[in-house]
Amino acid sequence: MSRLQTRFAELKEQNRAALVTFVTAGDPAYDTSLAILKGLPKSGADVIELGMPFTDPMADGPAIQLASIRALNAKQNLAKTLQMVREFRVDDNTTPLVLMGYYNPIHNYGVERFIAEAHESGVDGLIVVDLPPEHNNELCNPAQDAGLDFIRLTTPTSDDVRLPTVLNGSSGFVYYVSVAGVTGAGSATVEHVKEAVARLRRHTDLPISVGFGIRTPDQAAAIARLADGVVIGSALIDQIANAQSPDQAVNDVLKLCSELSEGVRQARVS
């Protein structure tokens, strides 16, 4: 079993959802970003999404756009992001780590080279938001052949006709974007998420993680009662943006992660 399969199976046995955290690699600088990355599992993150900085993150709102700018200004690139994963794996060989971003940097790096180095460094899966299933041969299929999960995004506009195509070849988990628009947008209602998750379960047996707009422990707990995972990114990245020093950035991100984890972990306690 892959790390993702193992982690979601373990959490199902515990009757609770996963806390899935997103941070951008290299934000605000390599060493600080690495310290945050290494600290997330001990602060309660069950799965980590690590953003690959890009100059045109069109699906992201202001918080993650600015995170990409900070990282790129600090000279972060795809090679350094893969090196960050290698350093993370020195002390942690169990926490699933997924790279999330856009196809342009991967294409520029070289698909074959990227897949080989991602697998070698300890990456477990990929989320590439601008590569639709009609282009599975570009990246999805060779990545899965190499042992990397390929996680698909589904949205409120993914209807029952489109979903089988979107989910074709998906593995690891399904990421449900609960609101239309960019990351960090307003959160969906609990009733909407409940209906959406039920509809997705009719199309897939994969774990379903819900994100976009979740910022507080109470919101995380509400989603954790409905889905297999709760994805939180912009709220954590805001801690970095508002910090007055690298140490404060690390401490504030990990503190919020712990609070969010507590909300998720208590959500299904009987």
Protein backbone atom coordinates (compact mmCIF):
# COMPACT_ATOMS: atom_id res chain seq x y z
CA MET A 1 0.00 0.00 0.00
CA SER A 2 1.10 3.57 -0.69
CA ARG A 3 1.61 6.03 2.14
CA LEU A 4 -1.69 7.71 1.22
CA GLN A 5 -3.60 4.43 1.23
CA THR A 6 -2.02 3.46 4.53
CA ARG A 7 -2.75 6.79 6.19
CA PHE A 8 -6.40 6.96 5.14
CA ALA A 9 -6.89 3.31 6.15
CA GLU A 10 -5.41 4.03 9.58
CA LEU A 11 -7.64 7.04 10.07
CA LYS A 12 -10.71 5.10 8.99
CA GLU A 13 -9.91 2.59 11.74
CA GLN A 14 -9.74 5.53 14.16
CA ASN A 15 -13.07 6.85 12.84
CA ARG A 16 -11.73 10.29 12.04
CA ALA A 17 -10.84 12.46 9.09
CA ALA A 18 -7.38 13.50 7.96
CA LEU A 19 -6.05 17.00 8.43
CA VAL A 20 -4.50 17.85 5.07
CA THR A 21 -2.29 20.94 5.23
CA PHE A 22 -1.02 23.05 2.33
CA VAL A 23 2.04 25.28 2.39
CA THR A 24 4.08 26.70 -0.48
CA ALA A 25 7.64 25.40 -0.79
CA GLY A 26 10.20 28.11 -0.12
CA ASP A 27 7.77 30.55 1.52
CA PRO A 28 9.08 32.87 2.88
CA ALA A 29 12.54 31.34 2.39
CA TYR A 30 13.99 27.84 2.10
CA ASP A 31 15.13 27.26 5.69
CA THR A 32 11.97 28.66 7.26
CA SER A 33 9.78 26.70 4.86
CA LEU A 34 11.69 23.50 5.63
CA ALA A 35 11.28 24.06 9.38
CA ILE A 36 7.53 24.48 8.89
CA LEU A 37 7.36 21.38 6.69
CA LYS A 38 9.23 19.26 9.21
CA GLY A 39 7.08 20.52 12.08
CA LEU A 40 3.66 19.92 10.51
CA PRO A 41 3.32 16.19 11.29
CA LYS A 42 4.10 16.67 14.99
CA SER A 43 1.56 19.48 15.02
CA GLY A 44 -1.16 17.16 13.76
CA ALA A 45 -0.97 17.22 9.96
CA ASP A 46 -1.90 13.79 8.60
CA VAL A 47 -1.19 14.56 4.94
CA ILE A 48 0.90 17.42 3.53
CA GLU A 49 0.37 19.22 0.25
CA LEU A 50 3.50 21.12 -0.75
CA GLY A 51 2.94 23.83 -3.32
CA MET A 52 5.32 24.20 -6.25
CA PRO A 53 5.75 27.97 -6.71
CA PHE A 54 4.67 29.32 -10.08
CA THR A 55 4.51 32.78 -11.61
CA ASP A 56 0.87 32.45 -12.71
CA PRO A 57 -1.09 30.43 -10.13
CA MET A 58 -4.44 31.11 -11.75
CA ALA A 59 -6.56 28.89 -9.49
CA ASP A 60 -5.22 30.50 -6.32
CA GLY A 61 -6.41 33.52 -4.40
CA PRO A 62 -4.26 36.39 -3.10
CA ALA A 63 -2.78 34.53 -0.12
CA ILE A 64 -1.26 31.69 -2.13
CA GLN A 65 -0.37 33.97 -5.05
CA LEU A 66 1.68 36.10 -2.66
CA ALA A 67 3.22 32.96 -1.14
CA SER A 68 4.42 31.96 -4.61
CA ILE A 69 5.87 35.43 -5.16
CA ARG A 70 7.71 35.34 -1.82
CA ALA A 71 9.10 31.89 -2.61
CA LEU A 72 10.19 32.80 -6.13
CA ASN A 73 11.82 35.99 -4.84
CA ALA A 74 13.75 33.78 -2.43
CA LYS A 75 15.02 31.77 -5.44
CA GLN A 76 12.85 28.70 -4.85
CA ASN A 77 12.55 26.42 -7.87
CA LEU A 78 11.41 22.89 -8.63
CA ALA A 79 14.82 21.34 -7.96
CA LYS A 80 14.90 22.99 -4.52
CA THR A 81 11.36 21.81 -3.83
CA LEU A 82 12.37 18.22 -4.54
CA GLN A 83 15.43 18.70 -2.32
CA MET A 84 13.13 19.93 0.43
CA VAL A 85 11.18 16.67 0.17
CA ARG A 86 14.43 14.68 0.47
CA GLU A 87 15.34 16.58 3.64
CA PHE A 88 11.86 16.05 5.04
CA ARG A 89 12.16 12.29 4.43
CA VAL A 90 15.36 12.04 6.49
CA ASP A 91 13.25 12.17 9.67
CA ASP A 92 9.78 11.22 8.41
CA ASN A 93 9.12 8.19 6.24
CA THR A 94 5.42 7.80 7.04
CA THR A 95 3.60 11.11 6.45
CA PRO A 96 2.16 11.26 2.92
CA LEU A 97 3.43 14.23 0.94
CA VAL A 98 1.78 15.46 -2.26
CA LEU A 99 3.19 18.09 -4.61
CA MET A 100 0.54 20.53 -5.80
CA GLY A 101 0.77 23.08 -8.56
CA TYR A 102 0.69 23.71 -12.29
CA TYR A 103 1.95 21.84 -15.32
CA ASN A 104 4.20 24.55 -16.76
CA PRO A 105 7.10 24.13 -14.29
CA ILE A 106 6.91 20.33 -14.64
CA HIS A 107 6.90 20.52 -18.43
CA ASN A 108 9.82 22.92 -18.35
CA TYR A 109 11.74 20.66 -15.94
CA GLY A 110 11.06 17.63 -18.14
CA VAL A 111 8.25 15.20 -17.34
CA GLU A 112 10.39 12.07 -17.28
CA ARG A 113 13.05 13.71 -15.14
CA PHE A 114 10.46 15.20 -12.80
CA ILE A 115 8.66 11.89 -12.24
CA ALA A 116 11.89 10.03 -11.58
CA GLU A 117 13.18 12.63 -9.12
CA ALA A 118 9.82 13.04 -7.40
CA HIS A 119 9.63 9.30 -6.78
CA GLU A 120 13.25 9.13 -5.65
CA SER A 121 12.86 12.07 -3.25
CA GLY A 122 9.86 10.57 -1.45
CA VAL A 123 6.88 12.30 -3.06
CA ASP A 124 3.68 10.25 -2.81
CA GLY A 125 1.35 11.99 -5.22
CA LEU A 126 0.64 14.93 -7.48
CA ILE A 127 -2.14 17.48 -7.81
CA VAL A 128 -1.79 19.39 -11.08
CA VAL A 129 -4.71 21.74 -11.28
CA ASP A 130 -4.51 22.77 -14.94
CA LEU A 131 -4.02 19.39 -16.60
CA PRO A 132 -7.44 17.85 -17.40
CA PRO A 133 -8.06 14.10 -17.74
CA GLU A 134 -8.15 14.42 -21.52
CA HIS A 135 -4.36 14.79 -21.24
CA ASN A 136 -3.69 11.83 -18.92
CA ASN A 137 -0.92 10.61 -21.21
CA GLU A 138 1.04 13.82 -20.55
CA LEU A 139 1.65 13.22 -16.84
CA CYS A 140 -1.03 11.23 -15.01
CA ASN A 141 -0.37 7.85 -16.62
CA PRO A 142 3.45 7.93 -16.49
CA ALA A 143 3.33 9.25 -12.91
CA GLN A 144 1.09 6.40 -11.78
CA ASP A 145 3.23 3.90 -13.65
CA ALA A 146 6.14 5.15 -11.52
CA GLY A 147 4.19 4.71 -8.28
CA LEU A 148 2.94 8.27 -7.75
CA ASP A 149 -0.73 8.83 -6.98
CA PHE A 150 -2.53 11.36 -9.15
CA ILE A 151 -5.17 13.29 -7.21
CA ARG A 152 -7.98 14.98 -9.10
CA LEU A 153 -9.89 18.13 -8.21
CA THR A 154 -13.67 18.06 -8.44
CA THR A 155 -15.87 21.13 -8.05
CA PRO A 156 -19.52 22.14 -7.56
CA THR A 157 -19.77 22.36 -11.36
CA SER A 158 -18.52 18.78 -11.93
CA ASP A 159 -21.85 17.16 -12.79
CA ASP A 160 -22.69 13.46 -12.93
CA VAL A 161 -21.89 13.36 -16.64
CA ARG A 162 -18.44 14.89 -16.20
CA LEU A 163 -17.41 13.15 -12.97
CA PRO A 164 -16.56 9.72 -14.47
CA THR A 165 -14.14 11.43 -16.86
CA VAL A 166 -12.60 13.55 -14.11
CA LEU A 167 -12.19 10.57 -11.81
CA ASN A 168 -10.77 8.29 -14.50
CA GLY A 169 -7.28 7.34 -13.41
CA SER A 170 -7.57 9.13 -10.05
CA SER A 171 -5.79 7.60 -7.09
CA GLY A 172 -4.79 8.50 -3.52
CA PHE A 173 -7.84 10.60 -2.72
CA VAL A 174 -10.28 12.97 -4.39
CA TYR A 175 -9.99 16.67 -3.59
CA TYR A 176 -13.40 18.35 -3.57
CA VAL A 177 -13.17 22.10 -4.10
CA SER A 178 -16.20 23.16 -2.10
CA VAL A 179 -16.70 26.62 -3.63
CA ALA A 180 -16.43 27.92 -7.15
CA GLY A 181 -13.56 30.36 -7.50
CA VAL A 182 -10.01 30.66 -6.25
CA THR A 183 -8.35 29.36 -3.08
CA GLY A 184 -9.12 31.24 0.09
CA ALA A 185 -12.63 32.09 -1.09
CA GLY A 186 -15.67 31.96 1.22
CA SER A 187 -16.52 28.57 2.65
CA ALA A 188 -19.43 26.38 1.55
CA THR A 189 -22.35 25.53 3.79
CA VAL A 190 -22.31 22.24 5.68
CA GLU A 191 -25.45 21.14 3.84
CA HIS A 192 -23.79 21.77 0.48
CA VAL A 193 -20.71 19.77 1.47
CA LYS A 194 -22.87 16.93 2.80
CA GLU A 195 -24.75 16.66 -0.48
CA ALA A 196 -21.59 16.96 -2.57
CA VAL A 197 -19.72 14.27 -0.65
CA ALA A 198 -22.69 11.91 -0.90
CA ARG A 199 -22.80 12.46 -4.67
CA LEU A 200 -19.06 11.86 -5.04
CA ARG A 201 -19.31 8.63 -3.06
CA ARG A 202 -21.66 7.31 -5.70
CA HIS A 203 -18.86 7.72 -8.24
CA THR A 204 -15.74 6.64 -6.34
CA ASP A 205 -14.47 4.53 -3.46
CA LEU A 206 -11.48 6.81 -2.95
CA PRO A 207 -11.26 8.94 0.22
CA ILE A 208 -12.77 12.40 -0.28
CA SER A 209 -11.03 15.48 1.10
CA VAL A 210 -12.75 18.86 1.15
CA GLY A 211 -11.02 22.22 0.92
CA PHE A 212 -11.28 25.93 0.03
CA GLY A 213 -12.31 28.48 2.64
CA ILE A 214 -11.80 26.39 5.81
CA ARG A 215 -10.00 28.55 8.37
CA THR A 216 -10.99 27.67 11.94
CA PRO A 217 -11.04 24.56 14.17
CA ASP A 218 -14.85 24.68 14.28
CA GLN A 219 -15.12 24.81 10.49
CA ALA A 220 -12.59 21.98 10.23
CA ALA A 221 -14.58 19.89 12.69
CA ALA A 222 -17.81 20.44 10.77
CA ILE A 223 -16.22 19.20 7.53
CA ALA A 224 -14.46 16.33 9.33
CA ARG A 225 -17.86 14.92 10.27
CA LEU A 226 -18.76 14.64 6.58
CA ALA A 227 -15.57 13.87 4.64
CA ASP A 228 -12.45 11.73 4.87
CA GLY A 229 -10.13 14.72 4.88
CA VAL A 230 -10.12 18.45 5.58
CA VAL A 231 -7.76 20.57 3.45
CA ILE A 232 -6.48 23.88 4.85
CA GLY A 233 -4.00 26.15 3.13
CA SER A 234 -4.69 29.88 3.00
CA ALA A 235 -5.25 30.15 6.76
CA LEU A 236 -1.80 28.66 7.40
CA ILE A 237 -0.14 30.79 4.75
CA ASP A 238 -1.66 33.92 6.29
CA GLN A 239 0.36 33.14 9.42
CA ILE A 240 3.54 33.33 7.35
CA ALA A 241 2.47 36.56 5.65
CA ASN A 242 1.69 38.24 8.97
CA ALA A 243 4.77 37.07 10.87
CA GLN A 244 7.41 39.59 11.89
CA SER A 245 10.26 37.07 11.87
CA PRO A 246 11.10 33.58 10.56
CA ASP A 247 10.73 32.08 14.03
CA GLN A 248 7.31 33.64 14.44
CA ALA A 249 6.26 32.27 11.04
CA VAL A 250 7.22 28.75 12.07
CA ASN A 251 5.62 29.01 15.50
CA ASP A 252 2.38 30.59 14.30
CA VAL A 253 1.85 28.07 11.48
CA LEU A 254 2.47 25.10 13.75
CA LYS A 255 0.29 26.55 16.52
CA LEU A 256 -2.65 26.97 14.14
CA CYS A 257 -2.03 23.50 12.73
CA SER A 258 -2.27 22.05 16.24
CA GLU A 259 -5.54 23.90 16.87
CA LEU A 260 -7.01 22.73 13.58
CA SER A 261 -5.89 19.17 14.31
CA GLU A 262 -7.63 19.25 17.64
CA GLY A 263 -10.86 20.26 15.93
CA VAL A 264 -10.56 17.47 13.35
CA ARG A 265 -9.62 14.83 15.92
CA GLN A 266 -12.54 15.60 18.21
CA ALA A 267 -15.11 15.73 15.41
CA ARG A 268 -15.94 12.04 15.40
CA VAL A 269 -15.23 11.21 19.04
CA SER A 270 -18.31 9.44 20.44
